[in-house]
Amino acid sequence: MLFLRSALVFFSFCSLPVAALAQSEENKPTGLIMELNTVQDVGQACRLTFVIENKTGAAIDAVSYETVIFDASGSVVSLSLFNFRDLPVDRPRVRQFDLPGMTCGAVGRALINGANTCVVAGSDSQVCHEALKLQSRTDVELIG
């Protein structure tokens, strides 16, 4: 009986790391995580710095997003294509885009209007649109 009790205690402790690992795997972010990390005035432009992490499980060969910039009052001030280029799996990438003739204080929010280009394994894909998750560390709201 003592052996059985000892064995049960031993096996219950052995399963703790496995359960913790399974739980941490469940909490890992998935998708294509785009973060507006900083906005900075550079000369006569506002520079938007994005950190983007591909957690989709497939390398993205090329991606560009139609991006709409609104001023602080909500008016559209520009519509551009932001080319994020290639995005390897599980490796963060930093991409910067300048808004010429605009100060960062004038930028109210940025809308990711949709993927203009999304190539995975040499073919067009919907993953860049379907898996996109947006967040911002700045006062400029990032929406999609």
C-alpha atoms as a PDB file:
ATOM      1  CA  MET A   1       0.000   0.000   0.000  1.00  0.00           C
ATOM      2  CA  LEU A   2       2.855   2.348   0.871  1.00  0.00           C
ATOM      3  CA  PHE A   3       4.471   1.597  -2.495  1.00  0.00           C
ATOM      4  CA  LEU A   4       1.232   2.416  -4.336  1.00  0.00           C
ATOM      5  CA  ARG A   5       0.842   5.712  -2.455  1.00  0.00           C
ATOM      6  CA  SER A   6       4.491   6.648  -3.166  1.00  0.00           C
ATOM      7  CA  ALA A   7       4.078   5.793  -6.835  1.00  0.00           C
ATOM      8  CA  LEU A   8       0.936   7.962  -7.097  1.00  0.00           C
ATOM      9  CA  VAL A   9       2.702  10.915  -5.470  1.00  0.00           C
ATOM     10  CA  PHE A  10       5.711  10.453  -7.764  1.00  0.00           C
ATOM     11  CA  PHE A  11       3.619  10.293 -10.948  1.00  0.00           C
ATOM     12  CA  SER A  12       1.476  13.258  -9.938  1.00  0.00           C
ATOM     13  CA  PHE A  13       4.629  15.370  -9.538  1.00  0.00           C
ATOM     14  CA  CYS A  14       5.983  14.109 -12.866  1.00  0.00           C
ATOM     15  CA  SER A  15       2.854  15.258 -14.682  1.00  0.00           C
ATOM     16  CA  LEU A  16       3.104  18.848 -13.377  1.00  0.00           C
ATOM     17  CA  PRO A  17       5.730  20.045 -15.888  1.00  0.00           C
ATOM     18  CA  VAL A  18       3.818  18.415 -18.752  1.00  0.00           C
ATOM     19  CA  ALA A  19       0.586  20.130 -17.682  1.00  0.00           C
ATOM     20  CA  ALA A  20       2.395  23.448 -17.298  1.00  0.00           C
ATOM     21  CA  LEU A  21       3.969  23.050 -20.745  1.00  0.00           C
ATOM     22  CA  ALA A  22       0.586  22.234 -22.313  1.00  0.00           C
ATOM     23  CA  GLN A  23      -0.964  25.254 -20.627  1.00  0.00           C
ATOM     24  CA  SER A  24       1.836  27.561 -21.792  1.00  0.00           C
ATOM     25  CA  GLU A  25       1.422  26.247 -25.364  1.00  0.00           C
ATOM     26  CA  GLU A  26      -2.283  27.159 -25.195  1.00  0.00           C
ATOM     27  CA  ASN A  27      -1.443  30.718 -24.103  1.00  0.00           C
ATOM     28  CA  LYS A  28       1.088  31.348 -26.887  1.00  0.00           C
ATOM     29  CA  PRO A  29      -0.036  34.018 -29.338  1.00  0.00           C
ATOM     30  CA  THR A  30      -1.008  32.869 -32.808  1.00  0.00           C
ATOM     31  CA  GLY A  31      -1.629  34.686 -36.044  1.00  0.00           C
ATOM     32  CA  LEU A  32       0.112  37.643 -37.595  1.00  0.00           C
ATOM     33  CA  ILE A  33       0.680  40.109 -34.783  1.00  0.00           C
ATOM     34  CA  MET A  34       1.221  43.705 -35.922  1.00  0.00           C
ATOM     35  CA  GLU A  35       2.107  46.312 -33.333  1.00  0.00           C
ATOM     36  CA  LEU A  36       2.467  50.040 -33.921  1.00  0.00           C
ATOM     37  CA  ASN A  37       5.482  50.384 -31.663  1.00  0.00           C
ATOM     38  CA  THR A  38       6.543  54.041 -31.999  1.00  0.00           C
ATOM     39  CA  VAL A  39       5.701  57.235 -33.834  1.00  0.00           C
ATOM     40  CA  GLN A  40       8.491  59.776 -34.189  1.00  0.00           C
ATOM     41  CA  ASP A  41       8.900  63.080 -35.989  1.00  0.00           C
ATOM     42  CA  VAL A  42      11.850  62.814 -38.369  1.00  0.00           C
ATOM     43  CA  GLY A  43      12.559  65.955 -40.384  1.00  0.00           C
ATOM     44  CA  GLN A  44       9.383  66.874 -42.238  1.00  0.00           C
ATOM     45  CA  ALA A  45       7.735  63.481 -41.704  1.00  0.00           C
ATOM     46  CA  CYS A  46       6.135  61.281 -39.091  1.00  0.00           C
ATOM     47  CA  ARG A  47       7.839  57.891 -38.903  1.00  0.00           C
ATOM     48  CA  LEU A  48       5.670  54.920 -37.927  1.00  0.00           C
ATOM     49  CA  THR A  49       7.613  51.934 -36.593  1.00  0.00           C
ATOM     50  CA  PHE A  50       5.887  48.567 -36.620  1.00  0.00           C
ATOM     51  CA  VAL A  51       6.920  45.306 -34.996  1.00  0.00           C
ATOM     52  CA  ILE A  52       5.326  42.383 -36.781  1.00  0.00           C
ATOM     53  CA  GLU A  53       5.573  38.754 -35.749  1.00  0.00           C
ATOM     54  CA  ASN A  54       4.474  35.836 -37.894  1.00  0.00           C
ATOM     55  CA  LYS A  55       2.965  33.155 -35.651  1.00  0.00           C
ATOM     56  CA  THR A  56       0.887  31.561 -38.427  1.00  0.00           C
ATOM     57  CA  GLY A  57       3.101  28.505 -38.861  1.00  0.00           C
ATOM     58  CA  ALA A  58       3.930  29.359 -42.489  1.00  0.00           C
ATOM     59  CA  ALA A  59       6.584  31.719 -43.827  1.00  0.00           C
ATOM     60  CA  ILE A  60       5.134  34.683 -45.702  1.00  0.00           C
ATOM     61  CA  ASP A  61       7.071  35.474 -48.888  1.00  0.00           C
ATOM     62  CA  ALA A  62       5.620  38.960 -49.364  1.00  0.00           C
ATOM     63  CA  VAL A  63       2.925  41.072 -47.766  1.00  0.00           C
ATOM     64  CA  SER A  64       1.754  44.649 -48.222  1.00  0.00           C
ATOM     65  CA  TYR A  65      -1.176  46.363 -46.560  1.00  0.00           C
ATOM     66  CA  GLU A  66      -3.341  49.221 -47.751  1.00  0.00           C
ATOM     67  CA  THR A  67      -3.065  51.688 -44.888  1.00  0.00           C
ATOM     68  CA  VAL A  68      -5.257  54.721 -44.275  1.00  0.00           C
ATOM     69  CA  ILE A  69      -4.021  57.521 -42.009  1.00  0.00           C
ATOM     70  CA  PHE A  70      -6.575  59.729 -40.243  1.00  0.00           C
ATOM     71  CA  ASP A  71      -5.779  63.061 -38.606  1.00  0.00           C
ATOM     72  CA  ALA A  72      -6.733  63.888 -35.034  1.00  0.00           C
ATOM     73  CA  SER A  73     -10.184  65.120 -36.154  1.00  0.00           C
ATOM     74  CA  GLY A  74     -10.945  61.874 -38.019  1.00  0.00           C
ATOM     75  CA  SER A  75     -10.376  63.061 -41.589  1.00  0.00           C
ATOM     76  CA  VAL A  76      -8.506  60.835 -44.044  1.00  0.00           C
ATOM     77  CA  VAL A  77      -5.151  62.390 -44.860  1.00  0.00           C
ATOM     78  CA  SER A  78      -3.420  59.591 -46.757  1.00  0.00           C
ATOM     79  CA  LEU A  79      -3.910  56.190 -48.292  1.00  0.00           C
ATOM     80  CA  SER A  80      -0.725  54.183 -48.924  1.00  0.00           C
ATOM     81  CA  LEU A  81       0.605  50.699 -49.429  1.00  0.00           C
ATOM     82  CA  PHE A  82       2.959  49.657 -46.633  1.00  0.00           C
ATOM     83  CA  ASN A  83       5.249  46.877 -47.858  1.00  0.00           C
ATOM     84  CA  PHE A  84       6.165  44.594 -44.954  1.00  0.00           C
ATOM     85  CA  ARG A  85       8.145  42.336 -47.340  1.00  0.00           C
ATOM     86  CA  ASP A  86       8.899  38.779 -46.198  1.00  0.00           C
ATOM     87  CA  LEU A  87       7.963  37.549 -42.718  1.00  0.00           C
ATOM     88  CA  PRO A  88       9.645  34.352 -41.497  1.00  0.00           C
ATOM     89  CA  VAL A  89       7.864  32.185 -38.943  1.00  0.00           C
ATOM     90  CA  ASP A  90       8.410  32.998 -35.251  1.00  0.00           C
ATOM     91  CA  ARG A  91      10.885  35.822 -35.888  1.00  0.00           C
ATOM     92  CA  PRO A  92       9.939  39.431 -35.223  1.00  0.00           C
ATOM     93  CA  ARG A  93      10.558  42.013 -37.927  1.00  0.00           C
ATOM     94  CA  VAL A  94      10.676  45.798 -37.592  1.00  0.00           C
ATOM     95  CA  ARG A  95       9.424  47.920 -40.481  1.00  0.00           C
ATOM     96  CA  GLN A  96       9.340  51.726 -40.697  1.00  0.00           C
ATOM     97  CA  PHE A  97       7.205  53.963 -42.884  1.00  0.00           C
ATOM     98  CA  ASP A  98       7.398  57.749 -43.197  1.00  0.00           C
ATOM     99  CA  LEU A  99       4.390  60.010 -43.660  1.00  0.00           C
ATOM    100  CA  PRO A 100       5.901  62.986 -45.523  1.00  0.00           C
ATOM    101  CA  GLY A 101       4.682  66.483 -44.681  1.00  0.00           C
ATOM    102  CA  MET A 102       2.953  65.331 -41.487  1.00  0.00           C
ATOM    103  CA  THR A 103       3.852  65.637 -37.826  1.00  0.00           C
ATOM    104  CA  CYS A 104       3.068  62.726 -35.530  1.00  0.00           C
ATOM    105  CA  GLY A 105       0.935  65.002 -33.345  1.00  0.00           C
ATOM    106  CA  ALA A 106      -1.442  65.361 -36.295  1.00  0.00           C
ATOM    107  CA  VAL A 107      -1.938  61.589 -36.707  1.00  0.00           C
ATOM    108  CA  GLY A 108      -5.089  60.336 -34.992  1.00  0.00           C
ATOM    109  CA  ARG A 109      -5.253  56.707 -36.062  1.00  0.00           C
ATOM    110  CA  ALA A 110      -4.127  54.235 -38.696  1.00  0.00           C
ATOM    111  CA  LEU A 111      -6.454  51.799 -40.421  1.00  0.00           C
ATOM    112  CA  ILE A 112      -5.094  48.594 -41.920  1.00  0.00           C
ATOM    113  CA  ASN A 113      -7.630  48.466 -44.734  1.00  0.00           C
ATOM    114  CA  GLY A 114      -6.636  45.021 -45.973  1.00  0.00           C
ATOM    115  CA  ALA A 115      -3.851  42.978 -47.484  1.00  0.00           C
ATOM    116  CA  ASN A 116      -3.017  44.151 -50.990  1.00  0.00           C
ATOM    117  CA  THR A 117      -0.400  41.419 -51.482  1.00  0.00           C
ATOM    118  CA  CYS A 118      -0.025  38.192 -49.542  1.00  0.00           C
ATOM    119  CA  VAL A 119       2.184  35.428 -50.920  1.00  0.00           C
ATOM    120  CA  VAL A 120       2.807  32.176 -49.051  1.00  0.00           C
ATOM    121  CA  ALA A 121       4.800  29.325 -50.642  1.00  0.00           C
ATOM    122  CA  GLY A 122       4.713  31.150 -53.983  1.00  0.00           C
ATOM    123  CA  SER A 123       0.912  31.506 -54.127  1.00  0.00           C
ATOM    124  CA  ASP A 124      -1.647  34.130 -53.143  1.00  0.00           C
ATOM    125  CA  SER A 125      -3.003  33.533 -49.644  1.00  0.00           C
ATOM    126  CA  GLN A 126      -5.678  34.900 -47.322  1.00  0.00           C
ATOM    127  CA  VAL A 127      -3.620  34.304 -44.157  1.00  0.00           C
ATOM    128  CA  CYS A 128      -2.324  37.897 -44.082  1.00  0.00           C
ATOM    129  CA  HIS A 129      -5.881  39.154 -43.738  1.00  0.00           C
ATOM    130  CA  GLU A 130      -7.507  36.350 -41.757  1.00  0.00           C
ATOM    131  CA  ALA A 131      -4.768  35.957 -39.123  1.00  0.00           C
ATOM    132  CA  LEU A 132      -4.008  39.674 -38.578  1.00  0.00           C
ATOM    133  CA  LYS A 133      -4.077  40.911 -34.977  1.00  0.00           C
ATOM    134  CA  LEU A 134      -3.461  44.605 -34.292  1.00  0.00           C
ATOM    135  CA  GLN A 135      -2.164  46.483 -31.269  1.00  0.00           C
ATOM    136  CA  SER A 136      -0.518  49.822 -30.520  1.00  0.00           C
ATOM    137  CA  ARG A 137       1.953  50.996 -27.891  1.00  0.00           C
ATOM    138  CA  THR A 138       1.382  54.600 -28.920  1.00  0.00           C
ATOM    139  CA  ASP A 139      -1.339  57.224 -28.649  1.00  0.00           C
ATOM    140  CA  VAL A 140      -2.112  56.496 -32.323  1.00  0.00           C
ATOM    141  CA  GLU A 141      -4.833  53.879 -32.514  1.00  0.00           C
ATOM    142  CA  LEU A 142      -4.226  50.976 -34.928  1.00  0.00           C
ATOM    143  CA  ILE A 143      -7.472  49.536 -36.274  1.00  0.00           C
ATOM    144  CA  GLY A 144      -8.436  47.043 -38.946  1.00  0.00           C
END
